[in-house]
Structures are given as structure tokens and as C-alpha cells.
Amino acid sequence: MEDPVYAFVFYVVFVMSATFHEAAHAWAAKKGGDLTAYWGGQVSLDPRPHIRREPFGMVVLPVIMLFVSGFPFGFASAPYNPHWERQFPKRAAWMALAGPGANLVLVIAAALLMRVGIMTDFLYAPERIEFTGVVGSDAERFGEAAAFLLSATFSLNLILFAFNLLPVPPLDGSSGILLFMSKGVSDRYLDFMRQPGLSLIGFLVAYQLAPHVFDPVFSVAIALLYPEISYS
């Protein structure tokens, strides 16, 4: 990304989105009886405990990727007790789904703010939709910054929502499907999912699938955001 100010804002959006995601995991685990992440200080919207746990995934990698590809690709994690997961697989499923659910909340919040901005003529629907150009503004500087911030928040959290729901390890969707399994089936499933190397294979598969999943999800989201406009 050429403009360092917008690159910094994009990175901040990533950090806050990842923090919200992991805090939701930690909060749901605490509610379900697993205090592992709570003891680690991760039931918090303060990004510092999340960065301390994953400094490479939260700082080094996204900064490098931002300047290489224009997208702050990174990762974060919240610890949990695997024995608790086996004892309460459905609670673990809700914990897993809480992360993408938090990202969806941020998508909806950004969409509502964009619609309010359009209603007040502070923002407008652009002629061409881009990842960081979901909404535009004629107001100089502050208006452009607000449009970029809302667009980045909307798009980044939408991809975090869709990507993490893919049912392959180590993504949240692979644990979310425990919600639909009996205890016996979930035990055998967890035995299979925890095999060494499977997470790396799953991540590579998910990385290949991501564009095919995100493009239609993004199109549907834009259609819901702008029902009065038809974008090709």
C-alpha cells in the first residue's frame, strides 16, 4: 500500500478485528467453563495480551504482508483446555463460532455506519466497489479517512468471518461442526483432527479455497448493503 497513513490504519483495523475475534473466543470459553484464556488475560479488547501471545502473527507477518501485497494477512489465537473440549464438545463448538460471530458483528456495525453516512450525505455509494472502497466521501481528508476506515473494517471482517468458517483445521469451522455431533462421534472426530500435520494441510487447502468462498460472500454482502444499486 503506497500511502503509509492508510497502511497504518489498515493494520490497526486488522489488530482490532483480530482482538475482537480472539476476545470473543475467550469470553465464550469462560462462559462455557474453560478459564484458560481468561487466566491469560484474553477476555479483553485490549490488544496487548493477544499480541503478547502471537507477536509474529499479530505484528511481524501482517506488517510484512501489508507492504508486500497490500493486505495485512496474519493470525492470532486464544488458548483453551483440550480436555474441556472433549468433555463439552458443544460448548467448544460455540467457543469456536464466537470468533467469526464477532467479526460478523463488526461487519454489520460498519454497514450501519455507512448507511447512516449515506443518509446524511457525508458518504456515498461509489460507482465501482473495491475492497477498501466500499463507500466514498466528497469531504476531504476526514471524510476520505472515514470512508477508508469503514470500508476496511467491513471487508476485512467479512473475509475473517467467511474464511474462519471453512470446516478445515485449524480454522474455527472445523470445531464449529462439533455442534452437530454426538459425544461418541465428536471423540473420534477430535482424534482425527488432532493428528500432527493436519492443520498445515488444512490451512493450505483453506488458502486455496478462500477466493472462491469470499468472492460470492462479498457480492452478497454488497447487494445487502446497496439493495437499490446493481453492481456487476
Protein backbone atom coordinates (compact mmCIF):
# COMPACT_ATOMS: atom_id res chain seq x y z
CA MET A 1 0.00 0.00 0.00
CA GLU A 2 1.58 3.27 -1.17
CA ASP A 3 0.17 5.71 1.43
CA PRO A 4 1.80 4.94 4.81
CA VAL A 5 -1.06 6.59 6.73
CA TYR A 6 -3.68 4.35 5.12
CA ALA A 7 -1.37 1.36 5.56
CA PHE A 8 -1.17 2.13 9.27
CA VAL A 9 -4.96 2.47 9.50
CA PHE A 10 -5.42 -0.85 7.68
CA TYR A 11 -3.03 -2.50 10.14
CA VAL A 12 -4.90 -1.02 13.11
CA VAL A 13 -8.16 -2.37 11.67
CA PHE A 14 -6.55 -5.82 11.45
CA VAL A 15 -5.29 -5.69 15.06
CA MET A 16 -8.64 -4.56 16.46
CA SER A 17 -10.54 -7.12 14.34
CA ALA A 18 -8.27 -9.97 15.44
CA THR A 19 -8.50 -8.79 19.05
CA PHE A 20 -12.30 -8.73 18.91
CA HIS A 21 -12.26 -12.21 17.34
CA GLU A 22 -9.99 -13.75 19.98
CA ALA A 23 -11.67 -11.94 22.88
CA ALA A 24 -14.97 -13.47 21.73
CA HIS A 25 -13.37 -16.94 21.76
CA ALA A 26 -12.02 -16.33 25.26
CA TRP A 27 -15.32 -14.93 26.56
CA ALA A 28 -17.33 -17.84 25.16
CA ALA A 29 -14.88 -20.35 26.64
CA LYS A 30 -15.17 -18.65 30.04
CA LYS A 31 -18.94 -18.80 29.83
CA GLY A 32 -18.65 -22.49 28.93
CA GLY A 33 -16.44 -23.29 31.92
CA ASP A 34 -12.91 -23.11 30.46
CA LEU A 35 -10.91 -20.35 32.16
CA THR A 36 -7.64 -20.95 30.28
CA ALA A 37 -7.88 -17.84 28.08
CA TYR A 38 -9.37 -15.83 30.94
CA TRP A 39 -6.32 -16.56 33.09
CA GLY A 40 -4.19 -15.46 30.13
CA GLY A 41 -5.92 -12.06 30.14
CA GLN A 42 -7.56 -12.58 26.75
CA VAL A 43 -11.15 -11.86 27.75
CA SER A 44 -10.28 -8.31 26.82
CA LEU A 45 -10.50 -5.86 23.93
CA ASP A 46 -7.04 -4.62 24.88
CA PRO A 47 -4.83 -5.90 22.02
CA ARG A 48 -1.72 -6.23 24.22
CA PRO A 49 -2.39 -9.70 25.72
CA HIS A 50 -3.27 -11.00 22.26
CA ILE A 51 -0.09 -9.51 20.77
CA ARG A 52 2.00 -10.97 23.60
CA ARG A 53 0.61 -14.43 22.77
CA GLU A 54 1.17 -14.14 18.99
CA PRO A 55 3.72 -11.36 18.30
CA PHE A 56 4.68 -12.82 14.91
CA GLY A 57 1.08 -13.34 13.75
CA MET A 58 -0.20 -10.03 15.10
CA VAL A 59 2.72 -7.73 14.29
CA VAL A 60 5.56 -9.08 12.13
CA LEU A 61 3.66 -11.07 9.49
CA PRO A 62 0.76 -8.61 8.89
CA VAL A 63 3.13 -5.65 8.57
CA ILE A 64 5.30 -7.53 6.06
CA MET A 65 2.26 -8.74 4.09
CA LEU A 66 0.70 -5.28 4.11
CA PHE A 67 3.64 -3.77 2.27
CA VAL A 68 4.19 -6.82 0.05
CA SER A 69 0.59 -7.48 -1.01
CA GLY A 70 -1.45 -4.55 0.34
CA PHE A 71 -3.34 -6.87 2.72
CA PRO A 72 -2.41 -7.30 6.43
CA PHE A 73 -2.51 -11.11 6.49
CA GLY A 74 -1.77 -12.50 9.95
CA PHE A 75 -3.11 -14.70 12.71
CA ALA A 76 -3.90 -14.82 16.41
CA SER A 77 -5.05 -17.44 18.87
CA ALA A 78 -6.74 -17.97 22.22
CA PRO A 79 -5.67 -20.89 24.43
CA TYR A 80 -8.17 -23.49 25.59
CA ASN A 81 -8.17 -26.73 27.53
CA PRO A 82 -8.36 -29.74 25.15
CA HIS A 83 -9.75 -31.91 27.97
CA TRP A 84 -12.60 -29.41 28.39
CA GLU A 85 -13.19 -29.57 24.63
CA ARG A 86 -13.57 -33.35 24.79
CA GLN A 87 -15.80 -33.22 27.85
CA PHE A 88 -18.04 -30.47 26.45
CA PRO A 89 -17.77 -30.58 22.62
CA LYS A 90 -20.88 -28.45 22.05
CA ARG A 91 -19.59 -25.72 24.36
CA ALA A 92 -16.29 -25.88 22.47
CA ALA A 93 -18.23 -25.50 19.22
CA TRP A 94 -19.90 -22.32 20.48
CA MET A 95 -16.49 -21.05 21.59
CA ALA A 96 -15.15 -21.64 18.06
CA LEU A 97 -18.12 -19.95 16.38
CA ALA A 98 -17.91 -16.92 18.69
CA GLY A 99 -14.82 -15.64 16.86
CA PRO A 100 -16.37 -15.42 13.36
CA GLY A 101 -19.57 -14.21 15.03
CA ALA A 102 -17.65 -11.27 16.48
CA ASN A 103 -16.31 -10.41 13.03
CA LEU A 104 -19.84 -10.51 11.63
CA VAL A 105 -20.92 -8.03 14.32
CA LEU A 106 -18.18 -5.65 13.13
CA VAL A 107 -19.32 -6.10 9.51
CA ILE A 108 -22.88 -5.17 10.46
CA ALA A 109 -21.72 -2.22 12.56
CA ALA A 110 -19.62 -0.86 9.68
CA ALA A 111 -22.54 -1.36 7.27
CA LEU A 112 -24.94 0.53 9.55
CA LEU A 113 -22.50 3.42 9.91
CA MET A 114 -22.07 3.54 6.13
CA ARG A 115 -25.82 3.68 5.61
CA VAL A 116 -26.13 6.48 8.18
CA GLY A 117 -23.32 8.35 6.43
CA ILE A 118 -25.09 7.98 3.10
CA MET A 119 -28.40 9.16 4.56
CA THR A 120 -26.69 12.31 5.88
CA ASP A 121 -24.84 12.89 2.56
CA PHE A 122 -21.49 12.57 4.33
CA LEU A 123 -20.80 9.36 2.39
CA TYR A 124 -21.95 7.97 -0.94
CA ALA A 125 -22.15 4.66 -2.76
CA PRO A 126 -19.23 4.54 -5.22
CA GLU A 127 -19.62 3.73 -8.89
CA ARG A 128 -17.12 0.86 -8.53
CA ILE A 129 -16.72 -1.32 -5.45
CA GLU A 130 -13.25 -2.14 -4.17
CA PHE A 131 -12.03 -3.99 -1.07
CA THR A 132 -11.08 -0.73 0.66
CA GLY A 133 -13.53 1.36 -1.36
CA VAL A 134 -16.94 0.04 -0.32
CA VAL A 135 -18.11 3.59 0.36
CA GLY A 136 -16.86 7.01 -0.71
CA SER A 137 -16.92 10.60 0.54
CA ASP A 138 -16.67 14.02 -1.06
CA ALA A 139 -15.47 15.53 2.21
CA GLU A 140 -11.72 15.99 2.08
CA ARG A 141 -9.34 14.25 4.48
CA PHE A 142 -11.68 13.35 7.38
CA GLY A 143 -14.39 12.13 5.01
CA GLU A 144 -11.95 10.12 2.92
CA ALA A 145 -10.36 8.69 6.06
CA ALA A 146 -13.76 7.71 7.47
CA ALA A 147 -14.74 6.04 4.18
CA PHE A 148 -11.48 4.09 4.12
CA LEU A 149 -11.81 3.04 7.78
CA LEU A 150 -15.38 1.82 7.35
CA SER A 151 -14.59 0.07 4.06
CA ALA A 152 -11.54 -1.69 5.52
CA THR A 153 -13.47 -2.72 8.63
CA PHE A 154 -16.36 -4.05 6.54
CA SER A 155 -14.23 -6.01 4.06
CA LEU A 156 -11.56 -7.32 6.42
CA ASN A 157 -14.07 -8.60 8.95
CA LEU A 158 -16.17 -10.13 6.20
CA ILE A 159 -13.20 -12.15 4.98
CA LEU A 160 -12.30 -13.13 8.57
CA PHE A 161 -15.89 -14.27 9.07
CA ALA A 162 -16.07 -16.31 5.86
CA PHE A 163 -12.52 -17.69 5.96
CA ASN A 164 -12.71 -18.87 9.57
CA LEU A 165 -15.97 -20.72 8.96
CA LEU A 166 -14.32 -23.08 6.46
CA PRO A 167 -14.60 -26.55 8.08
CA VAL A 168 -10.90 -27.43 7.89
CA PRO A 169 -8.33 -27.35 10.70
CA PRO A 170 -7.08 -25.14 12.23
CA LEU A 171 -9.96 -22.81 11.32
CA ASP A 172 -12.95 -22.28 13.58
CA GLY A 173 -15.35 -24.02 11.25
CA SER A 174 -13.61 -27.35 11.91
CA SER A 175 -14.59 -27.08 15.59
CA GLY A 176 -17.94 -25.41 14.96
CA ILE A 177 -19.32 -28.58 13.39
CA LEU A 178 -18.97 -30.32 16.77
CA LEU A 179 -22.31 -28.68 17.48
CA PHE A 180 -23.97 -31.26 15.23
CA MET A 181 -22.18 -34.36 16.55
CA SER A 182 -22.98 -36.81 19.33
CA LYS A 183 -20.41 -37.29 22.11
CA GLY A 184 -19.10 -40.55 20.66
CA VAL A 185 -18.75 -39.15 17.15
CA SER A 186 -17.10 -35.97 18.43
CA ASP A 187 -14.46 -38.00 20.32
CA ARG A 188 -13.50 -39.90 17.17
CA TYR A 189 -13.61 -36.68 15.14
CA LEU A 190 -11.26 -34.91 17.57
CA ASP A 191 -8.87 -37.87 17.48
CA PHE A 192 -8.69 -37.47 13.70
CA MET A 193 -8.47 -33.66 13.70
CA ARG A 194 -5.58 -33.55 16.16
CA GLN A 195 -3.24 -35.61 14.01
CA PRO A 196 0.20 -33.98 13.51
CA GLY A 197 0.49 -32.03 10.28
CA LEU A 198 -3.23 -31.97 9.55
CA SER A 199 -3.55 -28.30 10.47
CA LEU A 200 -0.88 -27.33 7.94
CA ILE A 201 -2.61 -29.31 5.20
CA GLY A 202 -5.96 -27.82 6.19
CA PHE A 203 -4.61 -24.29 6.11
CA LEU A 204 -3.14 -24.78 2.64
CA VAL A 205 -6.49 -26.13 1.43
CA ALA A 206 -8.34 -23.21 3.03
CA TYR A 207 -5.94 -20.71 1.45
CA GLN A 208 -6.75 -22.14 -1.99
CA LEU A 209 -10.49 -22.14 -1.30
CA ALA A 210 -10.62 -18.65 0.21
CA PRO A 211 -11.05 -16.62 -3.03
CA HIS A 212 -13.79 -18.97 -4.26
CA VAL A 213 -15.62 -18.56 -0.96
CA PHE A 214 -15.04 -14.87 -0.34
CA ASP A 215 -15.99 -13.53 -3.79
CA PRO A 216 -19.64 -14.71 -3.66
CA VAL A 217 -19.90 -13.77 0.04
CA PHE A 218 -18.60 -10.28 -0.76
CA SER A 219 -21.06 -9.94 -3.66
CA VAL A 220 -23.99 -10.93 -1.42
CA ALA A 221 -22.85 -8.51 1.30
CA ILE A 222 -22.60 -5.63 -1.19
CA ALA A 223 -26.06 -6.47 -2.55
CA LEU A 224 -27.45 -6.31 1.00
CA LEU A 225 -25.60 -3.08 1.70
CA TYR A 226 -26.80 -1.43 -1.52
CA PRO A 227 -30.12 -3.10 -2.44
CA GLU A 228 -31.01 -0.10 -4.60
CA ILE A 229 -27.89 -0.47 -6.80
CA SER A 230 -26.85 -3.26 -9.14
CA TYR A 231 -23.09 -3.80 -9.26
CA SER A 232 -21.75 -6.09 -11.98
